[in-house]
N, C-alpha and C. Protein backbone atom coordinates (compact mmCIF):
# COMPACT_ATOMS: atom_id res chain seq x y z
N MET A 1 101.39 120.85 93.22
CA MET A 1 102.09 121.64 94.20
C MET A 1 102.68 120.71 95.26
N VAL A 2 103.85 121.08 95.70
CA VAL A 2 104.54 120.37 96.77
C VAL A 2 104.81 121.39 97.85
N GLY A 3 104.42 121.07 99.07
CA GLY A 3 104.60 122.03 100.15
C GLY A 3 105.58 121.55 101.20
N ASN A 4 106.23 122.52 101.82
CA ASN A 4 107.13 122.23 102.92
C ASN A 4 106.49 122.79 104.18
N GLU A 5 105.94 121.89 105.00
CA GLU A 5 105.27 122.30 106.23
C GLU A 5 106.23 122.37 107.41
N GLY A 6 107.52 122.16 107.15
CA GLY A 6 108.52 122.22 108.20
C GLY A 6 108.80 123.65 108.62
N ILE A 7 109.65 123.78 109.63
CA ILE A 7 109.99 125.12 110.12
C ILE A 7 111.48 125.42 110.04
N ALA A 8 112.30 124.44 109.65
CA ALA A 8 113.74 124.67 109.68
C ALA A 8 114.47 124.35 108.38
N ASN A 9 114.17 123.22 107.75
CA ASN A 9 114.99 122.74 106.63
C ASN A 9 114.28 122.91 105.28
N ASN A 10 115.09 123.12 104.25
CA ASN A 10 114.56 123.12 102.89
C ASN A 10 114.18 121.70 102.48
N LEU A 11 113.15 121.61 101.66
CA LEU A 11 112.71 120.33 101.11
C LEU A 11 113.24 120.22 99.69
N THR A 12 113.95 119.14 99.41
CA THR A 12 114.49 118.88 98.08
C THR A 12 113.73 117.71 97.48
N VAL A 13 113.23 117.89 96.25
CA VAL A 13 112.44 116.84 95.62
C VAL A 13 113.02 116.46 94.26
N THR A 14 112.82 115.19 93.91
CA THR A 14 113.06 114.69 92.57
C THR A 14 111.80 113.97 92.13
N ALA A 15 111.63 113.78 90.84
CA ALA A 15 110.43 113.11 90.35
C ALA A 15 110.77 112.28 89.12
N THR A 16 110.19 111.10 89.08
CA THR A 16 110.33 110.22 87.92
C THR A 16 108.95 109.69 87.57
N ILE A 17 108.82 109.20 86.37
CA ILE A 17 107.56 108.62 85.92
C ILE A 17 107.81 107.15 85.63
N THR A 18 106.94 106.31 86.17
CA THR A 18 107.07 104.87 86.00
C THR A 18 105.79 104.31 85.37
N GLY A 19 105.88 103.07 84.93
CA GLY A 19 104.73 102.39 84.36
C GLY A 19 104.93 102.09 82.89
N ASP A 20 104.08 101.22 82.36
CA ASP A 20 104.20 100.77 80.97
C ASP A 20 104.08 101.92 79.97
N GLN A 21 103.31 102.95 80.31
CA GLN A 21 103.08 104.05 79.37
C GLN A 21 103.80 105.33 79.79
N LYS A 22 104.89 105.18 80.53
CA LYS A 22 105.64 106.33 81.04
C LYS A 22 106.21 107.21 79.92
N ASP A 23 106.46 106.63 78.75
CA ASP A 23 107.09 107.39 77.68
C ASP A 23 106.19 108.48 77.10
N PHE A 24 104.90 108.44 77.41
CA PHE A 24 103.99 109.47 76.94
C PHE A 24 103.98 110.69 77.87
N TYR A 25 104.60 110.56 79.01
CA TYR A 25 104.65 111.63 80.01
C TYR A 25 106.09 112.10 80.20
N GLU A 26 106.23 113.35 80.63
CA GLU A 26 107.56 113.90 80.89
C GLU A 26 107.49 114.88 82.06
N VAL A 27 108.44 114.78 82.98
CA VAL A 27 108.58 115.79 84.04
C VAL A 27 109.28 116.97 83.39
N VAL A 28 108.57 118.10 83.31
CA VAL A 28 109.08 119.27 82.62
C VAL A 28 109.88 120.17 83.56
N THR A 29 109.33 120.39 84.75
CA THR A 29 110.04 121.23 85.72
C THR A 29 109.90 120.67 87.13
N LEU A 30 110.93 120.89 87.90
CA LEU A 30 110.96 120.57 89.33
C LEU A 30 111.25 121.86 90.08
N PRO A 31 110.75 121.97 91.30
CA PRO A 31 111.04 123.18 92.06
C PRO A 31 112.47 123.17 92.59
N ASP A 32 113.00 124.38 92.78
CA ASP A 32 114.25 124.51 93.53
C ASP A 32 113.96 124.05 94.95
N PRO A 33 114.97 123.91 95.79
CA PRO A 33 114.66 123.54 97.18
C PRO A 33 113.57 124.45 97.74
N ILE A 34 112.61 123.82 98.40
CA ILE A 34 111.42 124.51 98.90
C ILE A 34 111.65 124.90 100.35
N GLY A 35 111.62 126.18 100.61
CA GLY A 35 111.86 126.68 101.96
C GLY A 35 110.71 126.36 102.89
N PRO A 36 110.98 126.38 104.20
CA PRO A 36 109.93 126.12 105.19
C PRO A 36 108.72 127.05 104.98
N GLY A 37 107.53 126.46 105.02
CA GLY A 37 106.30 127.23 104.90
C GLY A 37 105.96 127.68 103.49
N THR A 38 106.69 127.18 102.48
CA THR A 38 106.41 127.58 101.10
C THR A 38 106.09 126.35 100.25
N THR A 39 105.75 126.61 98.99
CA THR A 39 105.40 125.53 98.07
C THR A 39 106.22 125.65 96.79
N GLY A 40 106.25 124.58 96.05
CA GLY A 40 106.87 124.54 94.74
C GLY A 40 106.00 123.73 93.80
N GLU A 41 106.30 123.80 92.53
CA GLU A 41 105.45 123.16 91.53
C GLU A 41 106.23 122.14 90.71
N ILE A 42 105.62 120.99 90.51
CA ILE A 42 106.14 119.98 89.58
C ILE A 42 105.23 120.02 88.37
N VAL A 43 105.80 120.20 87.18
CA VAL A 43 105.01 120.25 85.96
C VAL A 43 105.28 118.98 85.15
N VAL A 44 104.18 118.31 84.77
CA VAL A 44 104.25 117.09 83.97
C VAL A 44 103.53 117.36 82.65
N ALA A 45 104.16 116.99 81.54
CA ALA A 45 103.54 117.13 80.22
C ALA A 45 103.13 115.76 79.70
N PHE A 46 102.10 115.77 78.87
CA PHE A 46 101.61 114.55 78.25
C PHE A 46 101.56 114.76 76.73
N ASP A 47 102.09 113.81 75.98
CA ASP A 47 102.05 113.86 74.52
C ASP A 47 101.67 112.48 74.01
N PRO A 48 100.44 112.32 73.47
CA PRO A 48 100.00 111.00 73.02
C PRO A 48 100.63 110.55 71.71
N ASP A 49 101.38 111.44 71.05
CA ASP A 49 102.09 111.07 69.82
C ASP A 49 101.16 110.38 68.82
N LYS A 50 99.99 110.98 68.59
CA LYS A 50 99.00 110.52 67.60
C LYS A 50 98.33 109.20 67.98
N GLU A 51 98.55 108.72 69.20
CA GLU A 51 97.89 107.50 69.67
C GLU A 51 96.53 107.87 70.26
N ILE A 52 95.62 106.91 70.31
CA ILE A 52 94.34 107.10 70.97
C ILE A 52 94.21 106.09 72.09
N GLY A 53 93.32 106.36 73.04
CA GLY A 53 93.08 105.43 74.13
C GLY A 53 93.41 106.02 75.48
N ASP A 54 93.53 105.13 76.46
CA ASP A 54 93.83 105.51 77.84
C ASP A 54 95.33 105.35 78.09
N PHE A 55 95.88 106.29 78.85
CA PHE A 55 97.31 106.29 79.14
C PHE A 55 97.50 106.42 80.65
N ASN A 56 98.08 105.42 81.26
CA ASN A 56 98.29 105.38 82.71
C ASN A 56 99.78 105.33 83.03
N ALA A 57 100.16 106.02 84.07
CA ALA A 57 101.53 105.99 84.57
C ALA A 57 101.48 106.46 86.02
N THR A 58 102.64 106.48 86.66
CA THR A 58 102.74 106.93 88.04
C THR A 58 103.87 107.94 88.17
N LEU A 59 103.57 109.07 88.78
CA LEU A 59 104.58 110.06 89.11
C LEU A 59 105.10 109.72 90.50
N VAL A 60 106.39 109.45 90.61
CA VAL A 60 107.01 109.10 91.89
C VAL A 60 107.83 110.30 92.34
N ILE A 61 107.41 110.89 93.45
CA ILE A 61 108.09 112.07 94.01
C ILE A 61 108.87 111.61 95.23
N GLU A 62 110.18 111.84 95.19
CA GLU A 62 111.05 111.49 96.31
C GLU A 62 111.61 112.78 96.90
N SER A 63 111.76 112.78 98.23
CA SER A 63 112.26 113.99 98.89
C SER A 63 113.09 113.62 100.11
N ASN A 64 113.62 114.66 100.72
CA ASN A 64 114.37 114.48 101.96
C ASN A 64 113.47 114.62 103.19
N ASP A 65 112.18 114.49 103.01
CA ASP A 65 111.23 114.51 104.12
C ASP A 65 111.34 113.19 104.89
N ALA A 66 111.74 113.26 106.13
CA ALA A 66 111.93 112.04 106.93
C ALA A 66 110.63 111.29 107.17
N ALA A 67 109.52 112.01 107.29
CA ALA A 67 108.24 111.38 107.59
C ALA A 67 107.61 110.73 106.35
N VAL A 68 107.72 111.39 105.20
CA VAL A 68 107.11 110.88 103.96
C VAL A 68 108.11 111.08 102.82
N PRO A 69 109.08 110.19 102.69
CA PRO A 69 110.12 110.39 101.67
C PRO A 69 109.68 110.08 100.25
N VAL A 70 108.60 109.32 100.08
CA VAL A 70 108.12 108.97 98.73
C VAL A 70 106.61 109.15 98.66
N VAL A 71 106.17 109.82 97.59
CA VAL A 71 104.74 109.98 97.31
C VAL A 71 104.51 109.53 95.88
N ARG A 72 103.46 108.75 95.66
CA ARG A 72 103.12 108.29 94.32
C ARG A 72 101.80 108.93 93.90
N VAL A 73 101.79 109.45 92.67
CA VAL A 73 100.59 110.09 92.12
C VAL A 73 100.23 109.38 90.82
N ASP A 74 99.01 108.85 90.76
CA ASP A 74 98.55 108.19 89.53
C ASP A 74 98.30 109.24 88.46
N LEU A 75 98.80 108.96 87.25
CA LEU A 75 98.57 109.83 86.10
C LEU A 75 97.64 109.10 85.14
N PHE A 76 96.67 109.82 84.59
CA PHE A 76 95.74 109.22 83.66
C PHE A 76 95.36 110.26 82.59
N ALA A 77 95.37 109.84 81.36
CA ALA A 77 94.90 110.67 80.26
C ALA A 77 94.11 109.80 79.29
N ARG A 78 93.09 110.39 78.71
CA ARG A 78 92.29 109.67 77.71
C ARG A 78 92.26 110.51 76.43
N VAL A 79 92.62 109.88 75.34
CA VAL A 79 92.57 110.54 74.05
C VAL A 79 91.52 109.79 73.22
N PRO A 80 90.37 110.44 72.98
CA PRO A 80 89.31 109.74 72.23
C PRO A 80 89.62 109.68 70.75
N GLN A 81 88.99 108.72 70.11
CA GLN A 81 89.15 108.58 68.66
C GLN A 81 88.65 109.84 67.99
N GLY A 82 89.35 110.29 66.98
CA GLY A 82 88.96 111.51 66.26
C GLY A 82 89.57 112.77 66.84
N SER A 83 90.46 112.63 67.81
CA SER A 83 91.08 113.81 68.41
C SER A 83 92.26 114.29 67.58
């Protein structure tokens, strides 16, 4: 969830995935501009493509928020052998 704690302007966000294993992750949906006092959802999908092991990447969320224009979220998935 991404929230807009402001009182006047819409929050516009974009999201990308970075890191060596970014290809296993995908940003599926981004919220429309988020009005003041409301929230929106960023949906990320993971597909191990028959691989096993640990998968790390970073979700980078950029916005028009003057105070915090960039937020990084660590992504982690583990696919055990035999899955």
